[in-house]
């Protein structure tokens, strides 16, 4: 079994010393890179009152900028992530294309697999951690690792980022 205490300790230190709203997500990105691997990483918030999603963090600001909102679409992705509170996983670009209209850009970035990890607080979906990599990267073992090692840090990063936004 792989020892993740090093990356988790690094995440904890980075979160403890964060001074900007992006810093907690920078730390979460690094933890993700060191544990399950990721080429493209974003965090989307979900506001179910307004039914809008917004990208609040991105590893690729030119391709996936942090700006604007988009309506939440009620489809199989929504059922999996919001209703069932499970990670959505697709391991080929064709599977991604069946749900995400930006599949061509995803492919151009060298990605063909995705995990969308739900972040739930107070029994409400507040966002998703979106991890993309090359096709077939997110094996069942990596999906289990994502849930085990990133669920609590994702909640911590979200809360820390919001707290830092409020003081900015």
N, C-alpha and C. Protein backbone atom coordinates (compact mmCIF):
# COMPACT_ATOMS: atom_id res chain seq x y z
N UNK A 1 0.85 -1.19 0.00
CA UNK A 1 0.00 0.00 0.00
C UNK A 1 0.89 1.24 0.00
N UNK A 2 0.49 2.22 -0.76
CA UNK A 2 1.26 3.46 -0.85
C UNK A 2 1.03 4.32 0.38
N UNK A 3 2.08 4.94 0.86
CA UNK A 3 2.00 5.82 2.02
C UNK A 3 1.74 7.25 1.55
N UNK A 4 0.57 7.79 1.88
CA UNK A 4 0.20 9.13 1.46
C UNK A 4 0.35 10.16 2.58
N UNK A 5 0.95 9.75 3.69
CA UNK A 5 1.06 10.72 4.78
C UNK A 5 1.93 11.90 4.40
N UNK A 6 2.93 11.69 3.57
CA UNK A 6 3.76 12.81 3.11
C UNK A 6 2.94 13.84 2.37
N UNK A 7 2.25 13.45 1.27
CA UNK A 7 1.42 14.42 0.55
C UNK A 7 0.30 15.02 1.40
N UNK A 8 -0.28 14.22 2.28
CA UNK A 8 -1.35 14.73 3.12
C UNK A 8 -0.80 15.74 4.13
N UNK A 9 0.38 15.47 4.67
CA UNK A 9 1.01 16.41 5.59
C UNK A 9 1.37 17.71 4.86
N UNK A 10 1.84 17.59 3.61
CA UNK A 10 2.15 18.78 2.81
C UNK A 10 0.88 19.59 2.55
N UNK A 11 -0.23 18.90 2.23
CA UNK A 11 -1.51 19.58 2.03
C UNK A 11 -1.93 20.32 3.30
N UNK A 12 -1.83 19.65 4.44
CA UNK A 12 -2.22 20.25 5.70
C UNK A 12 -1.42 21.51 5.98
N UNK A 13 -0.11 21.45 5.76
CA UNK A 13 0.74 22.63 5.99
C UNK A 13 0.35 23.76 5.03
N UNK A 14 0.15 23.43 3.75
CA UNK A 14 -0.22 24.45 2.77
C UNK A 14 -1.56 25.09 3.12
N UNK A 15 -2.50 24.29 3.59
CA UNK A 15 -3.80 24.83 3.97
C UNK A 15 -3.66 25.74 5.20
N UNK A 16 -2.81 25.34 6.12
CA UNK A 16 -2.61 26.12 7.35
C UNK A 16 -1.96 27.47 7.08
N UNK A 17 -1.19 27.56 6.01
CA UNK A 17 -0.47 28.80 5.72
C UNK A 17 -1.07 29.57 4.54
N UNK A 18 -2.21 29.11 4.03
CA UNK A 18 -2.85 29.77 2.88
C UNK A 18 -3.27 31.19 3.22
N UNK A 19 -3.02 32.10 2.29
CA UNK A 19 -3.41 33.50 2.52
C UNK A 19 -4.26 34.06 1.38
N UNK A 20 -4.44 33.28 0.30
CA UNK A 20 -5.28 33.72 -0.81
C UNK A 20 -6.35 32.66 -1.08
N UNK A 21 -7.47 33.04 -1.68
CA UNK A 21 -8.53 32.07 -1.96
C UNK A 21 -8.10 30.91 -2.86
N UNK A 22 -7.11 31.11 -3.74
CA UNK A 22 -6.65 30.03 -4.60
C UNK A 22 -5.70 29.06 -3.89
N UNK A 23 -5.03 29.51 -2.86
CA UNK A 23 -4.01 28.69 -2.20
C UNK A 23 -4.53 27.33 -1.70
N UNK A 24 -5.73 27.25 -1.10
CA UNK A 24 -6.22 25.93 -0.69
C UNK A 24 -6.41 24.98 -1.88
N UNK A 25 -6.86 25.53 -3.02
CA UNK A 25 -7.04 24.69 -4.20
C UNK A 25 -5.70 24.35 -4.85
N UNK A 26 -4.72 25.26 -4.76
CA UNK A 26 -3.37 24.93 -5.20
C UNK A 26 -2.87 23.70 -4.44
N UNK A 27 -3.11 23.70 -3.13
CA UNK A 27 -2.69 22.59 -2.29
C UNK A 27 -3.45 21.31 -2.64
N UNK A 28 -4.74 21.43 -2.92
CA UNK A 28 -5.53 20.26 -3.31
C UNK A 28 -5.06 19.72 -4.66
N UNK A 29 -4.73 20.60 -5.59
CA UNK A 29 -4.18 20.17 -6.87
C UNK A 29 -2.89 19.39 -6.66
N UNK A 30 -2.00 19.90 -5.85
CA UNK A 30 -0.73 19.21 -5.59
C UNK A 30 -0.98 17.84 -4.95
N UNK A 31 -1.89 17.78 -4.00
CA UNK A 31 -2.23 16.50 -3.37
C UNK A 31 -2.77 15.52 -4.40
N UNK A 32 -3.60 16.00 -5.30
CA UNK A 32 -4.17 15.15 -6.35
C UNK A 32 -3.07 14.66 -7.29
N UNK A 33 -2.18 15.55 -7.68
CA UNK A 33 -1.06 15.15 -8.55
C UNK A 33 -0.22 14.06 -7.90
N UNK A 34 0.01 14.19 -6.61
CA UNK A 34 0.90 13.28 -5.92
C UNK A 34 0.25 11.96 -5.53
N UNK A 35 -1.08 11.90 -5.53
CA UNK A 35 -1.74 10.67 -5.11
C UNK A 35 -2.36 9.88 -6.25
N UNK A 36 -3.17 10.51 -7.08
CA UNK A 36 -3.82 9.74 -8.16
C UNK A 36 -3.43 10.20 -9.55
N UNK A 37 -2.84 11.37 -9.65
CA UNK A 37 -2.43 11.91 -10.95
C UNK A 37 -3.54 12.71 -11.60
N UNK A 38 -3.15 13.82 -12.25
CA UNK A 38 -4.12 14.68 -12.92
C UNK A 38 -3.38 15.56 -13.92
N UNK A 39 -4.00 15.74 -15.09
CA UNK A 39 -3.47 16.67 -16.10
C UNK A 39 -4.23 17.98 -16.08
N UNK A 40 -5.54 17.91 -15.92
CA UNK A 40 -6.41 19.08 -15.89
C UNK A 40 -7.24 18.98 -14.62
N UNK A 41 -7.29 20.07 -13.86
CA UNK A 41 -7.94 20.06 -12.55
C UNK A 41 -8.76 21.33 -12.42
N UNK A 42 -10.03 21.19 -12.08
CA UNK A 42 -10.87 22.35 -11.80
C UNK A 42 -11.74 22.06 -10.59
N UNK A 43 -12.24 23.12 -9.99
CA UNK A 43 -13.24 23.01 -8.93
C UNK A 43 -14.42 23.84 -9.36
N UNK A 44 -15.58 23.21 -9.40
CA UNK A 44 -16.82 23.90 -9.75
C UNK A 44 -17.70 23.98 -8.51
N UNK A 45 -18.24 25.15 -8.27
CA UNK A 45 -19.24 25.28 -7.21
C UNK A 45 -20.62 25.05 -7.81
N UNK A 46 -21.53 24.63 -6.98
CA UNK A 46 -22.90 24.37 -7.42
C UNK A 46 -23.85 25.12 -6.48
N UNK A 47 -24.69 25.94 -7.05
CA UNK A 47 -25.70 26.66 -6.28
C UNK A 47 -27.05 26.13 -6.72
N UNK A 48 -27.62 25.24 -5.94
CA UNK A 48 -28.87 24.60 -6.33
C UNK A 48 -30.06 25.55 -6.18
N UNK A 49 -29.91 26.63 -5.43
CA UNK A 49 -30.99 27.62 -5.33
C UNK A 49 -31.17 28.33 -6.66
N UNK A 50 -30.06 28.74 -7.26
CA UNK A 50 -30.12 29.43 -8.55
C UNK A 50 -29.95 28.46 -9.73
N UNK A 51 -29.60 27.21 -9.42
CA UNK A 51 -29.33 26.17 -10.42
C UNK A 51 -28.22 26.60 -11.38
N UNK A 52 -27.14 27.16 -10.77
CA UNK A 52 -25.99 27.60 -11.55
C UNK A 52 -24.71 26.96 -11.01
N UNK A 53 -23.82 26.63 -11.91
CA UNK A 53 -22.49 26.14 -11.56
C UNK A 53 -21.48 27.20 -11.97
N UNK A 54 -20.38 27.26 -11.23
CA UNK A 54 -19.34 28.24 -11.54
C UNK A 54 -17.97 27.62 -11.26
N UNK A 55 -17.06 27.80 -12.22
CA UNK A 55 -15.69 27.33 -12.03
C UNK A 55 -15.01 28.31 -11.09
N UNK A 56 -14.56 27.81 -9.94
CA UNK A 56 -13.91 28.70 -8.97
C UNK A 56 -12.41 28.48 -8.89
N UNK A 57 -11.91 27.44 -9.55
CA UNK A 57 -10.46 27.19 -9.58
C UNK A 57 -10.14 26.38 -10.83
N UNK A 58 -8.97 26.63 -11.40
CA UNK A 58 -8.56 25.89 -12.58
C UNK A 58 -7.05 25.78 -12.65
N UNK A 59 -6.59 24.66 -13.13
CA UNK A 59 -5.15 24.49 -13.39
C UNK A 59 -4.78 25.01 -14.77
N UNK A 60 -5.78 25.27 -15.61
CA UNK A 60 -5.57 25.73 -16.98
C UNK A 60 -6.40 26.99 -17.25
N UNK A 61 -5.96 28.15 -16.72
CA UNK A 61 -6.78 29.35 -16.84
C UNK A 61 -7.02 29.83 -18.28
N UNK A 62 -6.14 29.52 -19.20
CA UNK A 62 -6.38 29.95 -20.58
C UNK A 62 -7.46 29.11 -21.25
N UNK A 63 -7.47 27.80 -20.98
CA UNK A 63 -8.45 26.90 -21.58
C UNK A 63 -9.75 26.85 -20.79
N UNK A 64 -9.65 26.92 -19.49
CA UNK A 64 -10.82 26.84 -18.61
C UNK A 64 -10.77 27.98 -17.59
N UNK A 65 -11.09 29.20 -18.02
CA UNK A 65 -10.98 30.34 -17.10
C UNK A 65 -12.01 30.30 -15.98
N UNK A 66 -11.67 31.01 -14.93
CA UNK A 66 -12.59 31.18 -13.80
C UNK A 66 -13.41 32.43 -14.11
N UNK A 67 -14.58 32.22 -14.67
CA UNK A 67 -15.44 33.36 -14.99
C UNK A 67 -16.83 32.87 -15.33
N UNK A 68 -17.80 33.68 -15.03
CA UNK A 68 -19.17 33.39 -15.41
C UNK A 68 -19.77 32.18 -14.72
N UNK A 69 -20.99 31.90 -15.11
CA UNK A 69 -21.73 30.75 -14.58
C UNK A 69 -22.34 29.99 -15.74
N UNK A 70 -22.76 28.77 -15.46
CA UNK A 70 -23.50 28.01 -16.46
C UNK A 70 -24.63 27.27 -15.76
N UNK A 71 -25.74 27.08 -16.46
CA UNK A 71 -26.88 26.40 -15.84
C UNK A 71 -26.55 24.95 -15.54
N UNK A 72 -27.08 24.46 -14.45
CA UNK A 72 -26.94 23.06 -14.10
C UNK A 72 -27.86 22.25 -15.01
N UNK A 73 -27.30 21.24 -15.64
CA UNK A 73 -28.06 20.39 -16.56
C UNK A 73 -28.49 19.12 -15.84
N UNK A 74 -29.75 18.78 -15.99
CA UNK A 74 -30.29 17.59 -15.34
C UNK A 74 -30.16 16.41 -16.30
N UNK A 75 -29.06 15.65 -16.13
CA UNK A 75 -28.76 14.52 -17.00
C UNK A 75 -28.19 13.39 -16.15
N UNK A 76 -27.59 12.38 -16.79
CA UNK A 76 -27.06 11.25 -16.02
C UNK A 76 -25.89 11.67 -15.13
N UNK A 77 -25.12 12.68 -15.57
CA UNK A 77 -24.06 13.21 -14.72
C UNK A 77 -24.66 13.78 -13.44
N UNK A 78 -25.70 14.59 -13.57
CA UNK A 78 -26.38 15.19 -12.43
C UNK A 78 -26.92 14.11 -11.50
N UNK A 79 -27.54 13.10 -12.07
CA UNK A 79 -28.08 12.00 -11.26
C UNK A 79 -26.99 11.33 -10.44
N UNK A 80 -25.85 11.07 -11.08
CA UNK A 80 -24.75 10.39 -10.39
C UNK A 80 -24.15 11.26 -9.30
N UNK A 81 -23.79 12.49 -9.65
CA UNK A 81 -23.05 13.35 -8.73
C UNK A 81 -23.95 14.01 -7.70
N UNK A 82 -25.06 14.56 -8.13
CA UNK A 82 -25.92 15.30 -7.21
C UNK A 82 -26.88 14.39 -6.45
N UNK A 83 -27.65 13.64 -7.16
CA UNK A 83 -28.67 12.82 -6.51
C UNK A 83 -28.07 11.64 -5.74
N UNK A 84 -27.17 10.89 -6.42
CA UNK A 84 -26.59 9.70 -5.79
C UNK A 84 -25.36 10.00 -4.95
N UNK A 85 -24.80 11.21 -5.10
CA UNK A 85 -23.61 11.62 -4.35
C UNK A 85 -22.43 10.67 -4.57
N UNK A 86 -22.30 10.26 -5.81
CA UNK A 86 -21.20 9.37 -6.22
C UNK A 86 -20.33 10.10 -7.23
N UNK A 87 -19.10 9.65 -7.36
CA UNK A 87 -18.21 10.22 -8.37
C UNK A 87 -18.68 9.79 -9.75
N UNK A 88 -18.64 10.74 -10.68
CA UNK A 88 -18.87 10.40 -12.08
C UNK A 88 -17.51 10.07 -12.66
N UNK A 89 -17.44 8.92 -13.35
CA UNK A 89 -16.19 8.47 -13.94
C UNK A 89 -16.44 8.10 -15.40
N UNK A 90 -15.57 8.59 -16.27
CA UNK A 90 -15.57 8.20 -17.68
C UNK A 90 -14.11 7.99 -18.06
N UNK A 91 -13.82 6.91 -18.75
CA UNK A 91 -12.43 6.59 -19.04
C UNK A 91 -12.05 6.62 -20.51
N UNK A 92 -12.96 7.11 -21.36
CA UNK A 92 -12.61 7.31 -22.77
C UNK A 92 -13.17 8.66 -23.20
N UNK A 93 -12.58 9.21 -24.23
CA UNK A 93 -13.07 10.48 -24.74
C UNK A 93 -14.49 10.34 -25.28
N UNK A 94 -14.81 9.18 -25.83
CA UNK A 94 -16.18 8.94 -26.31
C UNK A 94 -17.18 9.00 -25.16
N UNK A 95 -16.82 8.42 -24.01
CA UNK A 95 -17.70 8.47 -22.84
C UNK A 95 -17.84 9.91 -22.34
N UNK A 96 -16.73 10.65 -22.37
CA UNK A 96 -16.77 12.05 -21.95
C UNK A 96 -17.67 12.85 -22.89
N UNK A 97 -17.57 12.58 -24.20
CA UNK A 97 -18.36 13.30 -25.20
C UNK A 97 -19.86 13.11 -25.01
N UNK A 98 -20.25 12.00 -24.40
CA UNK A 98 -21.68 11.75 -24.20
C UNK A 98 -22.28 12.64 -23.12
N UNK A 99 -21.43 13.33 -22.35
CA UNK A 99 -21.92 14.17 -21.26
C UNK A 99 -21.41 15.61 -21.35
N UNK A 100 -20.19 15.80 -21.81
CA UNK A 100 -19.57 17.13 -21.78
C UNK A 100 -19.44 17.72 -23.18
N UNK A 101 -20.06 18.86 -23.43
CA UNK A 101 -19.99 19.47 -24.76
C UNK A 101 -18.59 19.97 -25.14
N UNK A 102 -17.70 20.12 -24.17
CA UNK A 102 -16.34 20.60 -24.44
C UNK A 102 -15.35 19.45 -24.65
N UNK A 103 -15.85 18.29 -25.06
CA UNK A 103 -15.02 17.10 -25.20
C UNK A 103 -13.88 17.28 -26.19
N UNK A 104 -14.08 18.10 -27.22
CA UNK A 104 -13.00 18.30 -28.19
C UNK A 104 -11.81 19.01 -27.55
N UNK A 105 -12.07 20.03 -26.74
CA UNK A 105 -11.00 20.72 -26.03
C UNK A 105 -10.33 19.77 -25.04
N UNK A 106 -11.12 18.98 -24.35
CA UNK A 106 -10.57 18.00 -23.41
C UNK A 106 -9.59 17.08 -24.14
N UNK A 107 -9.98 16.59 -25.30
CA UNK A 107 -9.11 15.72 -26.09
C UNK A 107 -7.85 16.43 -26.55
N UNK A 108 -7.98 17.69 -26.97
CA UNK A 108 -6.80 18.45 -27.42
C UNK A 108 -5.81 18.66 -26.28
N UNK A 109 -6.29 18.67 -25.07
CA UNK A 109 -5.42 18.84 -23.91
C UNK A 109 -4.78 17.51 -23.47
N UNK A 110 -5.04 16.46 -24.24
CA UNK A 110 -4.44 15.16 -23.93
C UNK A 110 -5.18 14.37 -22.88
N UNK A 111 -6.42 14.74 -22.66
CA UNK A 111 -7.21 14.06 -21.63
C UNK A 111 -8.29 13.19 -22.27
N UNK A 112 -8.58 12.08 -21.63
CA UNK A 112 -9.62 11.18 -22.12
C UNK A 112 -10.28 10.41 -21.00
N UNK A 113 -9.98 10.78 -19.76
CA UNK A 113 -10.68 10.18 -18.62
C UNK A 113 -10.95 11.27 -17.59
N UNK A 114 -11.98 11.06 -16.80
CA UNK A 114 -12.40 12.07 -15.84
C UNK A 114 -12.97 11.41 -14.59
N UNK A 115 -12.72 12.08 -13.46
CA UNK A 115 -13.44 11.80 -12.21
C UNK A 115 -13.99 13.15 -11.76
N UNK A 116 -15.29 13.19 -11.51
CA UNK A 116 -15.93 14.35 -10.88
C UNK A 116 -16.32 13.91 -9.48
N UNK A 117 -15.58 14.39 -8.50
CA UNK A 117 -15.79 14.01 -7.10
C UNK A 117 -16.72 15.01 -6.44
N UNK A 118 -17.89 14.56 -5.96
CA UNK A 118 -18.81 15.51 -5.32
C UNK A 118 -18.27 15.98 -3.97
N UNK A 119 -18.50 17.25 -3.68
CA UNK A 119 -18.15 17.84 -2.39
C UNK A 119 -19.47 18.22 -1.72
N UNK A 120 -19.78 17.53 -0.64
CA UNK A 120 -21.07 17.68 0.03
C UNK A 120 -20.84 18.16 1.46
N UNK A 121 -21.52 19.25 1.80
CA UNK A 121 -21.48 19.80 3.16
C UNK A 121 -22.90 20.11 3.59
N UNK A 122 -23.24 19.77 4.83
CA UNK A 122 -24.59 20.04 5.31
C UNK A 122 -25.65 19.36 4.47
N UNK A 123 -25.33 18.18 3.95
CA UNK A 123 -26.20 17.40 3.08
C UNK A 123 -26.58 18.13 1.80
N UNK A 124 -25.69 19.03 1.36
CA UNK A 124 -25.91 19.79 0.14
C UNK A 124 -24.66 19.70 -0.73
N UNK A 125 -24.85 19.44 -2.02
CA UNK A 125 -23.74 19.45 -2.95
C UNK A 125 -23.29 20.90 -3.12
N UNK A 126 -22.04 21.19 -2.72
CA UNK A 126 -21.53 22.55 -2.84
C UNK A 126 -20.58 22.69 -4.02
N UNK A 127 -20.11 21.56 -4.54
CA UNK A 127 -19.21 21.63 -5.67
C UNK A 127 -18.69 20.27 -6.09
N UNK A 128 -17.81 20.30 -7.08
CA UNK A 128 -17.16 19.08 -7.55
C UNK A 128 -15.69 19.36 -7.82
N UNK A 129 -14.88 18.37 -7.50
CA UNK A 129 -13.48 18.37 -7.89
C UNK A 129 -13.43 17.61 -9.20
N UNK A 130 -12.92 18.24 -10.24
CA UNK A 130 -12.91 17.66 -11.58
C UNK A 130 -11.47 17.36 -11.98
N UNK A 131 -11.20 16.08 -12.13
CA UNK A 131 -9.85 15.61 -12.43
C UNK A 131 -9.87 14.91 -13.78
N UNK A 132 -8.98 15.32 -14.68
CA UNK A 132 -8.90 14.71 -16.00
C UNK A 132 -7.48 14.26 -16.29
N UNK A 133 -7.39 13.16 -17.01
CA UNK A 133 -6.08 12.60 -17.37
C UNK A 133 -6.25 11.86 -18.69
N UNK A 134 -5.20 11.18 -19.13
CA UNK A 134 -5.27 10.43 -20.39
C UNK A 134 -6.29 9.29 -20.27
N UNK A 135 -6.72 8.76 -21.41
CA UNK A 135 -7.72 7.68 -21.41
C UNK A 135 -7.27 6.52 -20.52
N UNK A 136 -8.23 5.96 -19.83
CA UNK A 136 -8.08 4.78 -18.97
C UNK A 136 -7.18 5.00 -17.76
N UNK A 137 -6.85 6.24 -17.44
CA UNK A 137 -6.00 6.51 -16.28
C UNK A 137 -6.73 6.23 -14.97
N UNK A 138 -8.01 6.57 -14.93
CA UNK A 138 -8.74 6.46 -13.67
C UNK A 138 -9.34 5.06 -13.50
N UNK A 139 -8.45 4.16 -13.13
CA UNK A 139 -8.80 2.77 -12.85
C UNK A 139 -9.69 2.71 -11.61
N UNK A 140 -10.35 1.59 -11.38
CA UNK A 140 -11.14 1.46 -10.15
C UNK A 140 -10.31 1.74 -8.89
N UNK A 141 -9.04 1.36 -8.91
CA UNK A 141 -8.17 1.61 -7.75
C UNK A 141 -7.94 3.11 -7.56
N UNK A 142 -7.70 3.82 -8.65
CA UNK A 142 -7.48 5.27 -8.54
C UNK A 142 -8.77 6.00 -8.15
N UNK A 143 -9.89 5.51 -8.62
CA UNK A 143 -11.17 6.12 -8.23
C UNK A 143 -11.37 5.94 -6.72
N UNK A 144 -11.07 4.74 -6.21
CA UNK A 144 -11.18 4.49 -4.76
C UNK A 144 -10.19 5.37 -3.99
N UNK A 145 -8.99 5.54 -4.52
CA UNK A 145 -8.01 6.42 -3.87
C UNK A 145 -8.50 7.87 -3.87
N UNK A 146 -9.09 8.30 -4.96
CA UNK A 146 -9.60 9.68 -5.02
C UNK A 146 -10.62 9.92 -3.92
N UNK A 147 -11.52 8.99 -3.77
CA UNK A 147 -12.55 9.14 -2.73
C UNK A 147 -11.92 9.10 -1.33
N UNK A 148 -11.03 8.14 -1.12
CA UNK A 148 -10.44 7.97 0.21
C UNK A 148 -9.52 9.13 0.60
N UNK A 149 -8.73 9.63 -0.35
CA UNK A 149 -7.70 10.61 -0.02
C UNK A 149 -8.08 12.04 -0.34
N UNK A 150 -9.11 12.27 -1.14
CA UNK A 150 -9.41 13.64 -1.55
C UNK A 150 -10.73 14.18 -1.03
N UNK A 151 -11.64 13.33 -0.56
CA UNK A 151 -12.95 13.82 -0.13
C UNK A 151 -12.86 14.83 1.01
N UNK A 152 -12.16 14.50 2.07
CA UNK A 152 -12.05 15.42 3.20
C UNK A 152 -11.18 16.62 2.85
N UNK A 153 -10.01 16.43 2.20
CA UNK A 153 -9.25 17.61 1.79
C UNK A 153 -10.03 18.54 0.86
N UNK A 154 -10.88 18.01 -0.01
CA UNK A 154 -11.68 18.85 -0.91
C UNK A 154 -12.63 19.73 -0.10
N UNK A 155 -13.25 19.16 0.92
CA UNK A 155 -14.13 19.96 1.78
C UNK A 155 -13.33 21.04 2.50
N UNK A 156 -12.16 20.67 3.00
CA UNK A 156 -11.31 21.63 3.72
C UNK A 156 -10.86 22.76 2.77
N UNK A 157 -10.47 22.41 1.55
CA UNK A 157 -10.03 23.43 0.59
C UNK A 157 -11.18 24.38 0.25
N UNK A 158 -12.36 23.83 0.02
CA UNK A 158 -13.52 24.65 -0.29
C UNK A 158 -13.80 25.63 0.85
N UNK A 159 -13.86 25.13 2.09
CA UNK A 159 -14.16 25.99 3.23
C UNK A 159 -13.07 27.03 3.47
N UNK A 160 -11.81 26.62 3.33
CA UNK A 160 -10.71 27.56 3.52
C UNK A 160 -10.74 28.65 2.46
N UNK A 161 -11.01 28.27 1.22
CA UNK A 161 -11.07 29.25 0.14
C UNK A 161 -12.18 30.26 0.39
N UNK A 162 -13.33 29.78 0.81
CA UNK A 162 -14.46 30.69 1.10
C UNK A 162 -14.12 31.63 2.25
N UNK A 163 -13.46 31.10 3.28
CA UNK A 163 -13.08 31.94 4.42
C UNK A 163 -12.09 33.01 3.99
N UNK A 164 -11.15 32.64 3.12
CA UNK A 164 -10.17 33.61 2.64
C UNK A 164 -10.80 34.65 1.70
N UNK A 165 -11.82 34.23 0.94
CA UNK A 165 -12.55 35.19 0.10
C UNK A 165 -13.25 36.23 0.97
N UNK A 166 -13.80 35.79 2.08
CA UNK A 166 -14.54 36.69 2.95
C UNK A 166 -13.63 37.72 3.61
N UNK A 167 -12.37 37.41 3.76
CA UNK A 167 -11.44 38.35 4.40
C UNK A 167 -10.65 39.17 3.39
N UNK A 168 -10.81 38.85 2.12
CA UNK A 168 -10.05 39.57 1.08
C UNK A 168 -10.62 40.94 0.79
